[in-house]
Amino acid sequence: MNKVFHQTKQAFLFSLIFYVGSILLLLFKVSFAPMLLSISLVISMIWVVMVLLEVMRSNRILSYERLMLCVFIITCNILAGIVYFYFLRERVIGYREIKNK
């Protein structure tokens, strides 16, 4: 579980970095920016599937919460990722990430 926990968050962060980079490159009209945007969409789909698996496997949330969370994640991709990883994930999977000071 710990390995998947970190892989899901890493996929989200990579997706976020690729989105920001591709948008900046699109603004500067760089030729390979659309390809970078395509890569960010693929990475985004990977973390969405991984998060949906986490949500569906969770026994800590009710079924209507699970449904609403799945709809939110699918429709509000990046915004939902930020909200999920920083505010909801601990409740969904019951795992608290230990941070070093």
N, C-alpha and C. Protein backbone atom coordinates (compact mmCIF):
# COMPACT_ATOMS: atom_id res chain seq x y z
N MET A 1 0.82 -1.19 0.00
CA MET A 1 0.00 0.00 0.00
C MET A 1 0.87 1.25 0.00
N ASN A 2 1.96 1.22 0.72
CA ASN A 2 2.83 2.38 0.83
C ASN A 2 3.43 2.75 -0.53
N LYS A 3 3.79 1.73 -1.33
CA LYS A 3 4.38 1.99 -2.63
C LYS A 3 3.36 2.65 -3.56
N VAL A 4 2.15 2.14 -3.57
CA VAL A 4 1.10 2.72 -4.40
C VAL A 4 0.75 4.12 -3.90
N PHE A 5 0.80 4.31 -2.60
CA PHE A 5 0.51 5.62 -2.00
C PHE A 5 1.43 6.69 -2.60
N HIS A 6 2.72 6.40 -2.65
CA HIS A 6 3.69 7.37 -3.17
C HIS A 6 3.60 7.49 -4.69
N GLN A 7 3.32 6.40 -5.39
CA GLN A 7 3.23 6.45 -6.84
C GLN A 7 2.06 7.30 -7.30
N THR A 8 0.95 7.24 -6.58
CA THR A 8 -0.21 8.03 -6.96
C THR A 8 0.09 9.52 -6.82
N LYS A 9 0.69 9.90 -5.72
CA LYS A 9 1.03 11.31 -5.51
C LYS A 9 2.09 11.77 -6.50
N GLN A 10 3.06 10.93 -6.81
CA GLN A 10 4.09 11.29 -7.78
C GLN A 10 3.49 11.49 -9.16
N ALA A 11 2.56 10.62 -9.55
CA ALA A 11 1.91 10.76 -10.85
C ALA A 11 1.15 12.09 -10.92
N PHE A 12 0.49 12.46 -9.82
CA PHE A 12 -0.22 13.74 -9.81
C PHE A 12 0.76 14.91 -9.94
N LEU A 13 1.85 14.87 -9.20
CA LEU A 13 2.82 15.97 -9.24
C LEU A 13 3.49 16.06 -10.62
N PHE A 14 3.82 14.93 -11.24
CA PHE A 14 4.38 14.95 -12.59
C PHE A 14 3.37 15.54 -13.56
N SER A 15 2.12 15.16 -13.42
CA SER A 15 1.07 15.70 -14.29
C SER A 15 0.97 17.20 -14.13
N LEU A 16 1.01 17.67 -12.91
CA LEU A 16 0.93 19.10 -12.64
C LEU A 16 2.11 19.85 -13.25
N ILE A 17 3.29 19.29 -13.11
CA ILE A 17 4.49 19.92 -13.69
C ILE A 17 4.41 19.95 -15.21
N PHE A 18 3.95 18.85 -15.82
CA PHE A 18 3.83 18.82 -17.27
C PHE A 18 2.76 19.80 -17.76
N TYR A 19 1.64 19.92 -17.02
CA TYR A 19 0.61 20.89 -17.40
C TYR A 19 1.17 22.31 -17.38
N VAL A 20 1.82 22.68 -16.31
CA VAL A 20 2.37 24.03 -16.19
C VAL A 20 3.41 24.27 -17.27
N GLY A 21 4.30 23.31 -17.48
CA GLY A 21 5.33 23.46 -18.52
C GLY A 21 4.74 23.57 -19.91
N SER A 22 3.75 22.76 -20.21
CA SER A 22 3.16 22.81 -21.55
C SER A 22 2.38 24.09 -21.78
N ILE A 23 1.72 24.60 -20.75
CA ILE A 23 1.00 25.87 -20.91
C ILE A 23 1.98 27.02 -21.13
N LEU A 24 3.08 27.01 -20.38
CA LEU A 24 4.09 28.05 -20.59
C LEU A 24 4.69 27.97 -21.99
N LEU A 25 4.96 26.76 -22.45
CA LEU A 25 5.53 26.60 -23.79
C LEU A 25 4.51 26.97 -24.88
N LEU A 26 3.23 26.72 -24.62
CA LEU A 26 2.21 27.14 -25.58
C LEU A 26 2.13 28.67 -25.66
N LEU A 27 2.29 29.32 -24.53
CA LEU A 27 2.28 30.79 -24.54
C LEU A 27 3.46 31.36 -25.32
N PHE A 28 4.61 30.67 -25.26
CA PHE A 28 5.78 31.11 -26.00
C PHE A 28 5.85 30.53 -27.41
N LYS A 29 4.80 29.80 -27.80
CA LYS A 29 4.67 29.23 -29.16
C LYS A 29 5.84 28.33 -29.53
N VAL A 30 6.23 27.47 -28.61
CA VAL A 30 7.28 26.48 -28.88
C VAL A 30 6.65 25.31 -29.63
N SER A 31 7.38 24.78 -30.59
CA SER A 31 6.81 23.79 -31.51
C SER A 31 6.41 22.47 -30.83
N PHE A 32 7.10 22.03 -29.81
CA PHE A 32 6.77 20.74 -29.20
C PHE A 32 5.83 20.86 -28.00
N ALA A 33 5.25 22.02 -27.78
CA ALA A 33 4.32 22.21 -26.66
C ALA A 33 3.08 21.32 -26.74
N PRO A 34 2.46 21.14 -27.92
CA PRO A 34 1.29 20.24 -27.97
C PRO A 34 1.63 18.80 -27.59
N MET A 35 2.84 18.35 -27.94
CA MET A 35 3.26 17.01 -27.56
C MET A 35 3.40 16.90 -26.04
N LEU A 36 3.94 17.92 -25.42
CA LEU A 36 4.08 17.94 -23.96
C LEU A 36 2.71 17.97 -23.28
N LEU A 37 1.76 18.68 -23.88
CA LEU A 37 0.40 18.70 -23.35
C LEU A 37 -0.23 17.32 -23.45
N SER A 38 0.03 16.61 -24.53
CA SER A 38 -0.49 15.25 -24.68
C SER A 38 0.09 14.32 -23.62
N ILE A 39 1.36 14.46 -23.35
CA ILE A 39 1.99 13.65 -22.31
C ILE A 39 1.38 13.95 -20.95
N SER A 40 1.12 15.21 -20.68
CA SER A 40 0.52 15.57 -19.39
C SER A 40 -0.89 15.01 -19.27
N LEU A 41 -1.63 14.93 -20.37
CA LEU A 41 -2.97 14.33 -20.33
C LEU A 41 -2.91 12.84 -20.03
N VAL A 42 -1.93 12.15 -20.61
CA VAL A 42 -1.77 10.72 -20.35
C VAL A 42 -1.39 10.48 -18.89
N ILE A 43 -0.45 11.25 -18.39
CA ILE A 43 -0.06 11.12 -16.99
C ILE A 43 -1.23 11.46 -16.07
N SER A 44 -2.02 12.42 -16.48
CA SER A 44 -3.19 12.80 -15.70
C SER A 44 -4.20 11.65 -15.64
N MET A 45 -4.38 10.97 -16.73
CA MET A 45 -5.30 9.83 -16.74
C MET A 45 -4.79 8.70 -15.84
N ILE A 46 -3.47 8.53 -15.77
CA ILE A 46 -2.90 7.50 -14.91
C ILE A 46 -3.20 7.79 -13.45
N TRP A 47 -2.96 9.03 -13.00
CA TRP A 47 -3.22 9.32 -11.58
C TRP A 47 -4.71 9.32 -11.28
N VAL A 48 -5.54 9.70 -12.25
CA VAL A 48 -6.99 9.66 -12.02
C VAL A 48 -7.43 8.23 -11.78
N VAL A 49 -6.95 7.30 -12.59
CA VAL A 49 -7.31 5.89 -12.41
C VAL A 49 -6.80 5.38 -11.06
N MET A 50 -5.58 5.74 -10.69
CA MET A 50 -5.03 5.30 -9.42
C MET A 50 -5.82 5.86 -8.23
N VAL A 51 -6.24 7.12 -8.32
CA VAL A 51 -7.04 7.71 -7.25
C VAL A 51 -8.41 7.07 -7.20
N LEU A 52 -9.02 6.81 -8.35
CA LEU A 52 -10.32 6.15 -8.35
C LEU A 52 -10.23 4.77 -7.72
N LEU A 53 -9.14 4.06 -7.96
CA LEU A 53 -8.96 2.76 -7.30
C LEU A 53 -8.84 2.92 -5.79
N GLU A 54 -8.12 3.94 -5.34
CA GLU A 54 -8.02 4.20 -3.90
C GLU A 54 -9.39 4.48 -3.30
N VAL A 55 -10.16 5.30 -3.99
CA VAL A 55 -11.48 5.68 -3.48
C VAL A 55 -12.41 4.48 -3.46
N MET A 56 -12.41 3.69 -4.52
CA MET A 56 -13.32 2.54 -4.60
C MET A 56 -12.94 1.44 -3.60
N ARG A 57 -11.68 1.31 -3.28
CA ARG A 57 -11.25 0.29 -2.32
C ARG A 57 -11.39 0.72 -0.86
N SER A 58 -11.66 1.99 -0.64
CA SER A 58 -11.72 2.51 0.71
C SER A 58 -12.98 2.02 1.44
N ASN A 59 -12.79 1.59 2.67
CA ASN A 59 -13.93 1.22 3.50
C ASN A 59 -14.18 2.27 4.57
N ARG A 60 -13.52 3.41 4.47
CA ARG A 60 -13.63 4.48 5.45
C ARG A 60 -14.64 5.56 5.06
N ILE A 61 -15.13 5.52 3.84
CA ILE A 61 -16.10 6.51 3.40
C ILE A 61 -17.39 5.82 2.98
N LEU A 62 -18.47 6.55 3.04
CA LEU A 62 -19.78 6.01 2.69
C LEU A 62 -19.93 5.97 1.16
N SER A 63 -20.90 5.20 0.70
CA SER A 63 -21.04 5.01 -0.75
C SER A 63 -21.41 6.30 -1.47
N TYR A 64 -22.24 7.16 -0.88
CA TYR A 64 -22.57 8.41 -1.56
C TYR A 64 -21.36 9.34 -1.58
N GLU A 65 -20.52 9.30 -0.54
CA GLU A 65 -19.29 10.10 -0.55
C GLU A 65 -18.34 9.58 -1.63
N ARG A 66 -18.29 8.28 -1.77
CA ARG A 66 -17.44 7.66 -2.79
C ARG A 66 -17.89 8.11 -4.18
N LEU A 67 -19.20 8.09 -4.42
CA LEU A 67 -19.73 8.51 -5.72
C LEU A 67 -19.43 9.98 -5.99
N MET A 68 -19.66 10.84 -5.03
CA MET A 68 -19.42 12.26 -5.21
C MET A 68 -17.92 12.55 -5.42
N LEU A 69 -17.08 11.83 -4.71
CA LEU A 69 -15.64 12.01 -4.86
C LEU A 69 -15.17 11.55 -6.24
N CYS A 70 -15.71 10.46 -6.73
CA CYS A 70 -15.34 9.97 -8.07
C CYS A 70 -15.77 10.97 -9.15
N VAL A 71 -16.97 11.49 -9.04
CA VAL A 71 -17.45 12.48 -10.01
C VAL A 71 -16.59 13.74 -9.95
N PHE A 72 -16.26 14.17 -8.75
CA PHE A 72 -15.42 15.36 -8.57
C PHE A 72 -14.03 15.16 -9.18
N ILE A 73 -13.44 14.01 -8.97
CA ILE A 73 -12.10 13.74 -9.49
C ILE A 73 -12.11 13.68 -11.01
N ILE A 74 -13.14 13.07 -11.58
CA ILE A 74 -13.20 12.94 -13.03
C ILE A 74 -13.46 14.29 -13.70
N THR A 75 -14.33 15.10 -13.13
CA THR A 75 -14.71 16.34 -13.80
C THR A 75 -13.76 17.51 -13.53
N CYS A 76 -13.16 17.57 -12.39
CA CYS A 76 -12.31 18.72 -12.03
C CYS A 76 -10.86 18.30 -11.87
N ASN A 77 -10.32 17.67 -12.83
CA ASN A 77 -9.03 17.00 -12.84
C ASN A 77 -7.97 17.61 -11.91
N ILE A 78 -7.34 18.69 -12.26
CA ILE A 78 -6.22 19.24 -11.48
C ILE A 78 -6.71 19.83 -10.16
N LEU A 79 -7.80 20.57 -10.19
CA LEU A 79 -8.36 21.13 -8.96
C LEU A 79 -8.73 20.01 -7.99
N ALA A 80 -9.33 18.96 -8.50
CA ALA A 80 -9.71 17.82 -7.66
C ALA A 80 -8.48 17.14 -7.09
N GLY A 81 -7.40 17.07 -7.86
CA GLY A 81 -6.18 16.47 -7.36
C GLY A 81 -5.59 17.24 -6.19
N ILE A 82 -5.60 18.55 -6.30
CA ILE A 82 -5.09 19.37 -5.22
C ILE A 82 -5.94 19.19 -3.96
N VAL A 83 -7.25 19.26 -4.12
CA VAL A 83 -8.16 19.09 -2.98
C VAL A 83 -8.01 17.70 -2.38
N TYR A 84 -7.96 16.68 -3.24
CA TYR A 84 -7.87 15.30 -2.76
C TYR A 84 -6.57 15.07 -2.00
N PHE A 85 -5.44 15.40 -2.58
CA PHE A 85 -4.16 15.07 -1.97
C PHE A 85 -3.86 15.88 -0.71
N TYR A 86 -4.37 17.10 -0.64
CA TYR A 86 -4.03 17.91 0.52
C TYR A 86 -5.11 17.97 1.59
N PHE A 87 -6.35 17.55 1.27
CA PHE A 87 -7.41 17.67 2.26
C PHE A 87 -8.19 16.37 2.50
N LEU A 88 -8.35 15.51 1.51
CA LEU A 88 -9.25 14.36 1.64
C LEU A 88 -8.57 13.00 1.71
N ARG A 89 -7.38 12.88 1.22
CA ARG A 89 -6.75 11.57 1.08
C ARG A 89 -6.55 10.86 2.41
N GLU A 90 -6.16 11.59 3.42
CA GLU A 90 -5.93 10.97 4.73
C GLU A 90 -7.20 10.29 5.23
N ARG A 91 -8.33 10.94 5.02
CA ARG A 91 -9.61 10.36 5.47
C ARG A 91 -10.00 9.16 4.61
N VAL A 92 -9.74 9.23 3.31
CA VAL A 92 -10.16 8.17 2.41
C VAL A 92 -9.39 6.88 2.65
N ILE A 93 -8.07 6.96 2.75
CA ILE A 93 -7.29 5.73 2.89
C ILE A 93 -6.83 5.46 4.31
N GLY A 94 -7.02 6.40 5.20
CA GLY A 94 -6.67 6.18 6.60
C GLY A 94 -5.19 6.08 6.85
N TYR A 95 -4.41 6.75 6.05
CA TYR A 95 -2.96 6.69 6.18
C TYR A 95 -2.44 8.11 6.32
N ARG A 96 -1.70 8.34 7.34
CA ARG A 96 -1.13 9.67 7.56
C ARG A 96 0.33 9.65 7.16
N GLU A 97 0.68 10.50 6.22
CA GLU A 97 2.07 10.57 5.74
C GLU A 97 2.94 11.21 6.82
N ILE A 98 4.02 10.55 7.15
CA ILE A 98 4.94 11.05 8.18
C ILE A 98 5.90 12.02 7.50
N LYS A 99 5.90 13.24 8.00
CA LYS A 99 6.78 14.27 7.42
C LYS A 99 7.96 14.51 8.34
N ASN A 100 9.12 14.60 7.73
CA ASN A 100 10.33 14.90 8.50
C ASN A 100 10.44 16.40 8.71
N LYS A 101 10.84 16.79 9.90
CA LYS A 101 10.96 18.23 10.20
C LYS A 101 12.31 18.74 9.82
